[in-house]
Protein backbone atom coordinates (compact mmCIF):
# COMPACT_ATOMS: atom_id res chain seq x y z
CA MET A 1 0.00 0.00 0.00
CA PRO A 2 1.22 3.53 -0.69
CA TYR A 3 0.23 4.75 2.74
CA SER A 4 1.57 3.33 5.99
CA ASN A 5 -1.30 4.56 8.14
CA ASP A 6 -2.02 1.93 10.82
CA GLY A 7 -5.73 2.69 10.85
CA LYS A 8 -6.02 2.02 7.13
CA GLU A 9 -4.20 -1.30 7.40
CA ALA A 10 -6.39 -2.33 10.31
CA SER A 11 -9.62 -1.49 8.49
CA VAL A 12 -8.65 -3.15 5.22
CA ARG A 13 -7.45 -6.52 6.50
CA PRO A 14 -10.83 -7.69 7.93
CA ILE A 15 -12.54 -6.71 4.69
CA ARG A 16 -10.00 -8.72 2.72
CA SER A 17 -10.66 -11.69 4.95
CA VAL A 18 -14.41 -11.59 4.35
CA LEU A 19 -13.94 -11.03 0.62
CA GLY A 20 -11.55 -13.95 0.55
CA VAL A 21 -14.05 -16.24 2.27
CA SER A 22 -16.83 -15.05 -0.04
CA ALA A 23 -14.63 -15.62 -3.08
CA LEU A 24 -13.84 -19.16 -1.95
CA ALA A 25 -17.52 -19.85 -1.47
CA LEU A 26 -18.27 -18.64 -5.01
CA VAL A 27 -15.45 -20.72 -6.41
CA ALA A 28 -16.78 -23.78 -4.63
CA LEU A 29 -20.19 -23.21 -6.22
CA ALA A 30 -18.70 -22.76 -9.65
CA HIS A 31 -16.41 -25.81 -9.53
CA PRO A 32 -17.41 -29.23 -8.16
CA LEU A 33 -14.87 -30.75 -5.81
CA SER A 34 -14.33 -33.94 -7.75
CA VAL A 35 -13.74 -33.25 -11.42
CA GLU A 36 -11.44 -35.44 -13.46
CA ALA A 37 -9.05 -33.20 -15.40
CA GLU A 38 -8.70 -33.82 -19.10
CA ALA A 39 -5.22 -34.12 -20.59
CA PRO A 40 -4.39 -30.87 -22.44
CA THR A 41 -3.95 -31.06 -26.18
CA PRO A 42 -0.62 -29.64 -27.37
CA THR A 43 -1.11 -26.46 -29.40
CA SER A 44 0.99 -24.15 -31.55
CA PHE A 45 4.11 -22.86 -29.79
CA HIS A 46 3.71 -25.48 -27.05
CA PRO A 47 6.90 -27.13 -25.71
CA THR A 48 5.35 -30.63 -25.80
CA ASN A 49 4.08 -30.27 -29.38
CA ALA A 50 6.39 -32.27 -31.67
CA GLU A 51 4.53 -31.22 -34.84
CA TRP A 52 5.88 -28.60 -37.22
CA ASP A 53 4.43 -25.65 -35.24
CA GLY A 54 5.49 -26.79 -31.76
CA LEU A 55 8.45 -25.85 -29.56
CA SER A 56 9.57 -29.36 -28.62
CA GLU A 57 12.95 -28.87 -30.32
CA LEU A 58 13.64 -25.67 -28.39
CA SER A 59 12.62 -27.50 -25.21
CA ARG A 60 15.00 -30.35 -26.05
CA ILE A 61 17.87 -27.90 -26.56
CA ALA A 62 17.12 -26.29 -23.19
CA GLY A 63 17.24 -29.72 -21.54
CA SER A 64 20.57 -30.55 -23.15
CA GLU A 65 21.99 -27.34 -21.63
CA SER A 66 20.53 -28.18 -18.19
CA PHE A 67 18.21 -25.17 -18.32
CA GLN A 68 14.77 -25.47 -16.75
CA LEU A 69 12.28 -24.39 -19.41
CA ARG A 70 9.07 -24.21 -17.38
CA MET A 71 5.56 -23.45 -18.53
CA MET A 72 2.29 -23.00 -16.60
CA ASP A 73 -1.19 -22.37 -17.92
CA ASP A 74 -1.53 -19.63 -15.28
CA LEU A 75 1.76 -17.87 -14.57
CA ASP A 76 1.80 -15.74 -11.43
CA LEU A 77 4.50 -13.09 -11.72
CA SER A 78 5.05 -13.24 -7.96
CA GLN A 79 6.65 -16.65 -8.58
CA ILE A 80 9.39 -15.09 -10.72
CA GLY A 81 12.64 -14.71 -8.82
CA PRO A 82 15.27 -12.05 -9.59
CA GLY A 83 17.51 -14.71 -11.18
CA ASP A 84 14.74 -16.15 -13.37
CA ALA A 85 14.07 -15.30 -17.01
CA LEU A 86 10.98 -15.16 -19.23
CA LEU A 87 10.66 -16.15 -22.87
CA ILE A 88 7.36 -14.80 -24.23
CA VAL A 89 6.40 -16.27 -27.59
CA ASN A 90 3.42 -14.95 -29.59
CA PRO A 91 1.26 -13.81 -26.63
CA SER A 92 -2.50 -13.95 -27.22
CA ALA A 93 -3.54 -11.47 -24.49
CA GLU A 94 -2.24 -8.04 -23.55
CA LEU A 95 0.79 -8.30 -21.29
CA PRO A 96 1.09 -6.66 -17.83
CA ALA A 97 3.73 -4.27 -19.15
CA ASP A 98 4.33 -2.37 -15.89
CA SER A 99 4.96 -5.54 -13.87
CA LEU A 100 7.22 -7.04 -16.53
CA THR A 101 9.18 -3.80 -16.80
CA ASP A 102 9.68 -3.80 -13.03
CA LEU A 103 11.00 -7.36 -13.25
CA VAL A 104 13.55 -6.38 -15.90
CA ARG A 105 14.73 -3.35 -13.96
CA GLY A 106 15.09 -5.58 -10.89
CA GLY A 107 17.51 -7.91 -12.69
CA SER A 108 15.41 -10.41 -14.66
CA ARG A 109 15.98 -11.12 -18.34
CA ILE A 110 12.97 -11.11 -20.66
CA ALA A 111 12.71 -11.92 -24.36
CA LEU A 112 9.53 -11.12 -26.30
CA ALA A 113 9.06 -12.71 -29.73
CA ASP A 114 5.94 -11.26 -31.33
CA ASP A 115 4.75 -10.28 -34.79
CA PHE A 116 0.97 -9.99 -34.93
CA GLY A 117 0.22 -11.05 -31.35
CA SER A 118 -0.53 -8.96 -28.28
CA GLY A 119 2.94 -7.91 -27.22
CA THR A 120 2.77 -4.40 -28.67
CA ASN A 121 2.16 -2.72 -25.31
CA LEU A 122 5.43 -4.10 -23.90
CA PHE A 123 7.32 -3.04 -27.03
CA ASP A 124 5.82 0.43 -26.61
CA VAL A 125 7.29 0.78 -23.11
CA PHE A 126 10.76 0.56 -24.65
CA GLN A 127 9.78 2.72 -27.67
CA ILE A 128 10.14 -0.22 -30.06
CA ARG A 129 7.76 -0.02 -33.00
CA LYS A 130 6.45 -2.84 -35.20
CA GLN A 131 5.90 -2.26 -38.91
CA ARG A 132 5.02 -4.39 -41.89
CA LEU A 133 7.96 -5.89 -43.77
CA GLU A 134 7.29 -5.68 -47.47
CA PRO A 135 7.86 -9.12 -49.08
CA GLY A 136 10.70 -9.24 -51.57
CA GLU A 137 12.48 -6.04 -50.46
CA HIS A 138 15.19 -7.95 -48.59
CA PRO A 139 17.17 -11.18 -49.04
CA HIS A 140 15.00 -14.28 -48.69
CA LEU A 141 15.21 -18.07 -48.86
CA ARG A 142 14.28 -20.42 -51.72
CA SER A 143 12.83 -17.66 -53.90
CA ASP A 144 10.06 -17.24 -51.32
CA PRO A 145 9.77 -13.53 -50.38
CA THR A 146 7.90 -14.39 -47.17
CA LEU A 147 10.99 -16.20 -45.83
CA ALA A 148 13.07 -13.09 -45.23
CA PHE A 149 16.68 -13.56 -44.14
CA ALA A 150 18.15 -11.55 -41.22
CA SER A 151 21.89 -11.17 -40.69
CA PRO A 152 23.98 -10.21 -37.63
CA ALA A 153 24.40 -6.45 -37.32
CA ALA A 154 26.35 -6.24 -34.05
CA ASN A 155 28.97 -8.12 -32.08
CA HIS A 156 26.63 -9.67 -29.52
CA ALA A 157 26.36 -12.95 -27.63
CA LEU A 158 23.10 -13.68 -29.46
CA ASN A 159 24.98 -13.71 -32.77
CA GLN A 160 27.77 -16.10 -31.81
CA ASP A 161 28.32 -18.56 -34.70
CA VAL A 162 25.11 -17.31 -36.37
CA GLU A 163 25.41 -16.54 -40.09
CA GLY A 164 21.76 -15.66 -40.41
CA VAL A 165 18.20 -16.40 -39.27
CA VAL A 166 15.32 -17.29 -41.60
CA THR A 167 11.96 -15.77 -40.72
CA ASN A 168 8.39 -16.54 -41.77
CA HIS A 169 6.09 -13.54 -42.33
CA PRO A 170 7.90 -11.39 -39.74
CA VAL A 171 7.43 -7.78 -38.75
CA ALA A 172 10.25 -5.23 -38.84
CA LEU A 173 11.24 -3.51 -35.60
CA SER A 174 12.47 0.05 -35.28
CA HIS A 175 13.93 2.24 -32.53
CA LEU A 176 15.20 5.80 -32.63
CA SER A 177 18.62 5.09 -31.11
CA LEU A 178 19.22 1.35 -30.54
CA THR A 179 21.49 -0.55 -32.93
CA PRO A 180 19.86 -3.73 -34.30
CA THR A 181 21.28 -7.06 -33.19
CA LEU A 182 19.91 -8.80 -36.30
CA ARG A 183 18.61 -6.90 -39.30
CA PHE A 184 17.13 -7.48 -42.76
CA GLY A 185 19.59 -6.68 -45.51
CA ASP A 186 22.33 -4.06 -45.45
CA GLY A 187 21.07 -1.12 -43.42
CA GLY A 188 17.52 -2.50 -43.32
CA PRO A 189 15.09 -2.66 -40.40
CA ALA A 190 15.72 -4.84 -37.37
CA LEU A 191 14.52 -8.33 -36.55
CA VAL A 192 16.10 -8.29 -33.07
CA PHE A 193 17.00 -5.61 -30.53
CA ALA A 194 18.79 -6.40 -27.26
CA GLY A 195 19.49 -3.88 -24.53
CA VAL A 196 20.16 -3.19 -20.86
CA VAL A 197 17.21 -2.06 -18.75
CA GLY A 198 18.08 -1.23 -15.15
CA ASP A 199 19.79 -4.31 -13.73
CA GLY A 200 18.23 -6.66 -16.32
CA ARG A 201 18.12 -7.31 -20.05
CA PHE A 202 15.35 -7.10 -22.64
CA VAL A 203 15.35 -8.80 -26.06
CA ALA A 204 12.78 -7.84 -28.72
CA ILE A 205 12.23 -10.27 -31.62
CA GLY A 206 9.92 -9.56 -34.57
CA ASP A 207 9.03 -13.17 -35.44
CA PRO A 208 8.02 -15.92 -32.98
CA SER A 209 7.95 -18.57 -35.72
CA ILE A 210 11.76 -18.71 -35.90
CA PHE A 211 11.56 -21.03 -32.85
CA ILE A 212 9.01 -23.57 -34.15
CA ASN A 213 10.22 -27.08 -34.97
CA ASN A 214 10.00 -26.61 -38.73
CA MET A 215 12.25 -23.50 -38.63
CA MET A 216 14.63 -24.96 -36.04
CA ASN A 217 15.77 -27.43 -38.68
CA LEU A 218 17.77 -24.52 -40.12
CA GLN A 219 21.25 -24.21 -38.65
CA GLY A 220 21.17 -20.46 -38.09
CA ASN A 221 17.80 -20.57 -36.34
CA ARG A 222 18.89 -23.47 -34.14
CA ARG A 223 22.07 -21.67 -33.10
CA PHE A 224 20.22 -18.42 -32.41
CA GLY A 225 17.73 -20.34 -30.25
CA LEU A 226 20.59 -21.86 -28.26
CA ASN A 227 22.30 -18.47 -27.88
CA LEU A 228 19.05 -16.90 -26.66
CA LEU A 229 18.54 -19.58 -24.00
CA ARG A 230 22.13 -19.12 -22.81
CA TYR A 231 21.72 -15.34 -22.78
CA LEU A 232 18.49 -15.50 -20.77
CA ALA A 233 19.93 -17.94 -18.24
CA LYS A 234 23.27 -16.15 -17.86
CA GLU A 235 24.10 -15.27 -14.25
CA GLY A 236 20.67 -16.48 -13.22
CA SER A 237 19.06 -19.51 -11.65
CA GLY A 238 18.84 -21.40 -14.94
CA THR A 239 15.02 -21.26 -14.82
CA ILE A 240 13.38 -19.87 -17.95
CA TRP A 241 9.61 -19.39 -17.76
CA LEU A 242 7.96 -19.92 -21.13
CA VAL A 243 4.89 -17.87 -22.01
CA THR A 244 2.92 -19.11 -25.04
CA PRO A 245 -0.47 -18.15 -26.52
CA ALA A 246 -2.05 -20.62 -24.07
CA THR A 247 -0.52 -18.96 -21.00
CA ARG A 248 -2.50 -16.60 -18.81
CA ILE A 249 0.01 -14.25 -17.24
CA GLY A 250 -0.74 -11.92 -14.37
CA GLU A 251 -0.13 -11.11 -10.74
CA GLU A 252 -1.15 -12.79 -7.52
CA SER A 253 -4.92 -12.92 -7.04
CA LEU A 254 -7.40 -14.36 -4.57
CA LEU A 255 -9.50 -15.83 -7.38
CA PRO A 256 -8.35 -18.42 -9.89
CA ALA A 257 -9.09 -17.79 -13.52
CA LEU A 258 -12.81 -18.42 -14.07
CA ASP A 259 -15.13 -18.25 -17.02
CA PHE A 260 -17.59 -15.91 -15.28
CA GLU A 261 -20.06 -15.77 -18.17
CA ALA A 262 -20.41 -19.55 -18.13
CA TRP A 263 -20.61 -19.51 -14.33
CA LEU A 264 -23.41 -16.92 -14.35
CA SER A 265 -25.30 -18.95 -16.94
CA ARG A 266 -25.09 -22.06 -14.75
CA LEU A 267 -26.12 -20.06 -11.69
CA ALA A 268 -29.16 -18.61 -13.47
CA ALA A 269 -30.24 -22.05 -14.69
CA THR A 270 -29.76 -23.74 -11.31
CA PRO A 271 -30.48 -21.59 -8.22
CA PRO A 272 -28.30 -22.40 -5.20
CA PRO A 273 -29.76 -24.61 -2.45
CA PRO A 274 -31.25 -22.89 0.64
CA GLN A 275 -28.23 -23.79 2.80
CA VAL A 276 -25.87 -21.94 0.44
CA THR A 277 -28.19 -18.90 0.35
CA TYR A 278 -28.22 -18.85 4.17
CA ILE A 279 -24.41 -18.97 4.38
CA LEU A 280 -23.98 -16.21 1.81
CA SER A 281 -26.50 -14.07 3.71
CA ILE A 282 -24.41 -14.40 6.86
CA LEU A 283 -21.25 -13.48 4.97
CA LEU A 284 -22.94 -10.45 3.43
CA ALA A 285 -24.21 -9.29 6.85
CA ALA A 286 -20.70 -9.67 8.30
CA LEU A 287 -19.25 -7.64 5.44
CA CYS A 288 -21.77 -4.83 6.01
CA LEU A 289 -20.98 -4.80 9.74
CA ILE A 290 -17.24 -4.53 9.10
CA LEU A 291 -17.80 -1.69 6.62
CA ILE A 292 -19.89 0.21 9.19
CA VAL A 293 -17.34 -0.30 11.96
CA GLY A 294 -14.45 0.54 9.64
CA SER A 295 -16.07 3.83 8.60
CA ALA A 296 -16.03 4.94 12.25
CA SER A 297 -12.23 4.71 12.30
CA ARG A 298 -11.49 5.78 8.76
CA PRO A 299 -7.83 6.60 8.06
CA GLU A 300 -6.77 10.22 7.99
CA THR A 301 -5.38 10.21 4.45
CA PRO A 302 -8.24 12.17 2.75
CA ARG A 303 -8.29 14.71 5.58
CA LEU A 304 -4.51 14.99 5.38
CA ARG A 305 -4.69 15.62 1.63
CA ARG A 306 -7.19 18.46 2.18
CA SER A 307 -4.98 19.90 4.91
CA VAL A 308 -1.87 19.77 2.73
CA ARG A 309 -3.70 21.57 -0.04
CA ARG A 310 -4.97 24.19 2.41
CA TRP A 311 -1.52 24.68 3.95
CA SER A 312 0.18 25.03 0.57
CA GLN A 313 -2.37 27.59 -0.63
CA ALA A 314 -2.88 29.67 2.51
CA GLY A 315 0.65 29.34 3.87
CA THR A 316 -0.66 28.35 7.31
CA PRO A 317 0.66 25.06 8.70
CA PRO A 318 -0.90 23.45 11.79
CA GLN A 319 -0.05 24.68 15.25
CA ASP A 320 2.46 21.93 16.13
CA ALA A 321 4.75 23.08 13.32
CA GLU A 322 7.79 21.26 14.62
CA GLN A 323 5.98 17.93 14.38
CA LEU A 324 5.49 17.95 10.60
CA TYR A 325 7.73 15.01 9.78
CA ARG A 326 4.84 12.51 9.60
CA PRO A 327 2.60 14.77 7.48
CA LEU A 328 5.52 15.37 5.11
CA MET A 329 6.07 11.62 4.72
CA SER A 330 2.34 11.21 3.99
CA TYR A 331 2.58 14.00 1.42
CA ARG A 332 5.50 12.14 -0.17
CA HIS A 333 3.15 9.20 -0.80
CA GLU A 334 0.47 11.52 -2.20
CA PHE A 335 2.98 13.22 -4.50
CA LEU A 336 4.27 9.91 -5.89
CA ASP A 337 0.69 8.63 -6.30
CA LYS A 338 -0.25 11.63 -8.43
CA VAL A 339 2.79 11.38 -10.69
CA ALA A 340 2.55 7.57 -10.94
CA SER A 341 -1.14 7.79 -11.89
CA HIS A 342 -0.30 10.23 -14.71
CA LEU A 343 2.63 8.11 -15.95
CA LYS A 344 0.66 4.87 -15.54
CA ILE A 345 3.26 3.11 -13.38
CA ARG A 346 3.27 1.91 -9.80
CA ALA A 347 3.73 4.50 -7.06
CA THR A 348 6.20 2.07 -5.44
CA ALA A 349 8.45 2.04 -8.52
CA ARG A 350 12.01 3.24 -8.11
CA ILE A 351 12.94 6.82 -9.02
CA PRO A 352 14.84 5.79 -12.22
CA ALA A 353 11.59 4.20 -13.45
CA PHE A 354 9.78 7.52 -13.02
CA ILE A 355 12.57 9.33 -14.87
CA GLU A 356 12.44 6.87 -17.77
CA ARG A 357 8.69 7.34 -18.16
CA LEU A 358 9.03 11.11 -17.95
CA GLU A 359 11.67 11.08 -20.69
CA CYS A 360 9.49 8.79 -22.84
CA GLN A 361 6.61 11.27 -22.77
CA GLY A 362 8.90 14.16 -23.78
CA THR A 363 9.38 15.90 -20.42
CA SER A 364 12.22 18.41 -20.51
CA ALA A 365 15.62 17.52 -19.06
CA ARG A 366 15.27 20.30 -16.50
CA VAL A 367 11.96 18.97 -15.15
CA CYS A 368 13.37 15.43 -15.04
CA ARG A 369 16.35 16.73 -13.11
CA ASP A 370 14.12 18.68 -10.69
CA PHE A 371 11.94 15.63 -10.13
CA ARG A 372 14.96 13.42 -9.42
CA THR A 373 16.44 15.92 -6.94
CA TYR A 374 13.09 16.44 -5.18
CA ALA A 375 12.16 12.75 -4.99
CA ASN A 376 15.64 11.77 -3.78
CA SER A 377 15.45 14.42 -1.07
CA LEU A 378 12.13 13.06 0.21
CA GLU A 379 13.45 9.51 0.02
CA ARG A 380 16.46 10.41 2.15
CA LEU A 381 14.13 11.86 4.77
CA SER A 382 11.92 8.75 4.69
CA ARG A 383 14.91 6.53 5.49
CA ARG A 384 15.18 8.17 8.90
CA GLU A 385 12.11 6.29 10.08
CA PRO A 386 11.23 4.74 12.53
CA ALA A 387 12.98 7.39 14.62
CA PRO A 388 11.26 10.66 13.62
CA ARG A 389 11.99 12.27 17.01
CA ASN A 390 15.49 12.95 15.75
CA THR A 391 14.10 14.56 12.60
CA THR A 392 12.18 17.81 13.04
CA VAL A 393 10.55 19.47 10.07
CA GLY A 394 9.73 23.13 10.57
CA ARG A 395 6.80 24.96 9.03
CA VAL A 396 8.94 26.80 6.48
CA GLU A 397 10.65 23.60 5.32
CA PHE A 398 7.30 21.76 5.20
CA LEU A 399 5.64 24.43 3.06
CA ARG A 400 8.66 24.60 0.76
CA TYR A 401 8.45 20.85 0.11
CA VAL A 402 4.67 20.90 -0.48
CA ARG A 403 4.69 23.91 -2.80
CA ARG A 404 7.61 22.52 -4.78
CA GLY A 405 5.89 19.15 -5.08
CA GLU A 406 2.57 20.64 -6.19
CA ASN A 407 4.37 22.76 -8.79
CA LEU A 408 6.11 19.64 -10.18
CA VAL A 409 2.78 17.79 -10.33
CA ARG A 410 1.18 20.64 -12.29
CA ILE A 411 4.07 20.73 -14.77
CA ILE A 412 4.21 16.93 -15.23
CA THR A 413 0.44 16.58 -15.67
CA GLY A 414 0.32 19.50 -18.12
CA GLU A 415 -1.53 21.95 -15.86
CA ALA A 416 1.46 24.32 -15.98
CA GLU A 417 4.01 25.03 -18.72
CA GLN A 418 7.49 23.56 -18.61
CA THR A 419 10.32 26.03 -18.32
């Protein structure tokens, strides 16, 4: 949570408990306890699929290198350790770009191979653009213009012993400043970009089909696949999580993935028995009681926000002016919340992540520098907890911080002009 107010924590936890119990009751209704699971049928880009469009050959190569290539139908990002890597191949649903970016900055290595799938939003975070590759404009294989040939364009570990990679209906990738790792033709657009992001690495690939069994028969593709696995596992745990079109990827949740439309249809057709209705009524009554009790001891955050705004406008801090350390730390959370909401990142993200987003949206270097200095200053103050008695914040210092923060928020959100 952004705020560390004890009253807020205390009022939220009971509600979570009741919601959790209610959710489990709904799940129990939706899913019988004894259901025999059917064996999944291997699909395209699946590591157990030995047909032409599977990834069984890539999986075999990973095993020969003692890498753990793991796949789950529902991948919880909280399971990913800092030494783990992700290989995302042709995703079928929009990716949680913010969470994946945080993983990379924290030290993970992620490769995204996507042409016409749903990985565009993650490419956008790194300002990588996809565009159509016109057939026949670049070298290709077997007189087939759809099998475009990409050659190494940089001295990189991914290109070791690779003369070229054959693609199949790829997209071209572009970036304003990055040098391609593999590109189409001499001076043509990129097939692969690889770069450093925070403490991690990110690899962008414009064709997922280079890894399917049929294409892995080609020497260059096979070697590139091996190099990619080695690159992802380098200095890590050796675990590479594979995300395919069949994978649902997200963050930790109380509820498992459910087909709610089907569940509602079954519920409408078959009303629950009286015993279940009675239990749900009790749970609902308990939830209402907790909400009523919680409202009596509501946290002070909204009131604090109004006070901060009043102090910054009128120039009149509260009477106990020497005890403004706690309010200033609460304002720090409010300031980061406002900026994070505008930049569409987490308020708990590190300061370099804020700077990167600001630069991506065209914020001036001076504003970025002011934000970094201001946020670092507040962060240094926050590290003095839990001993605020040794840190006194006077009324002048408090007002200076608040007014400076509000001015930065107005500039960043576009309410004031950048200078």
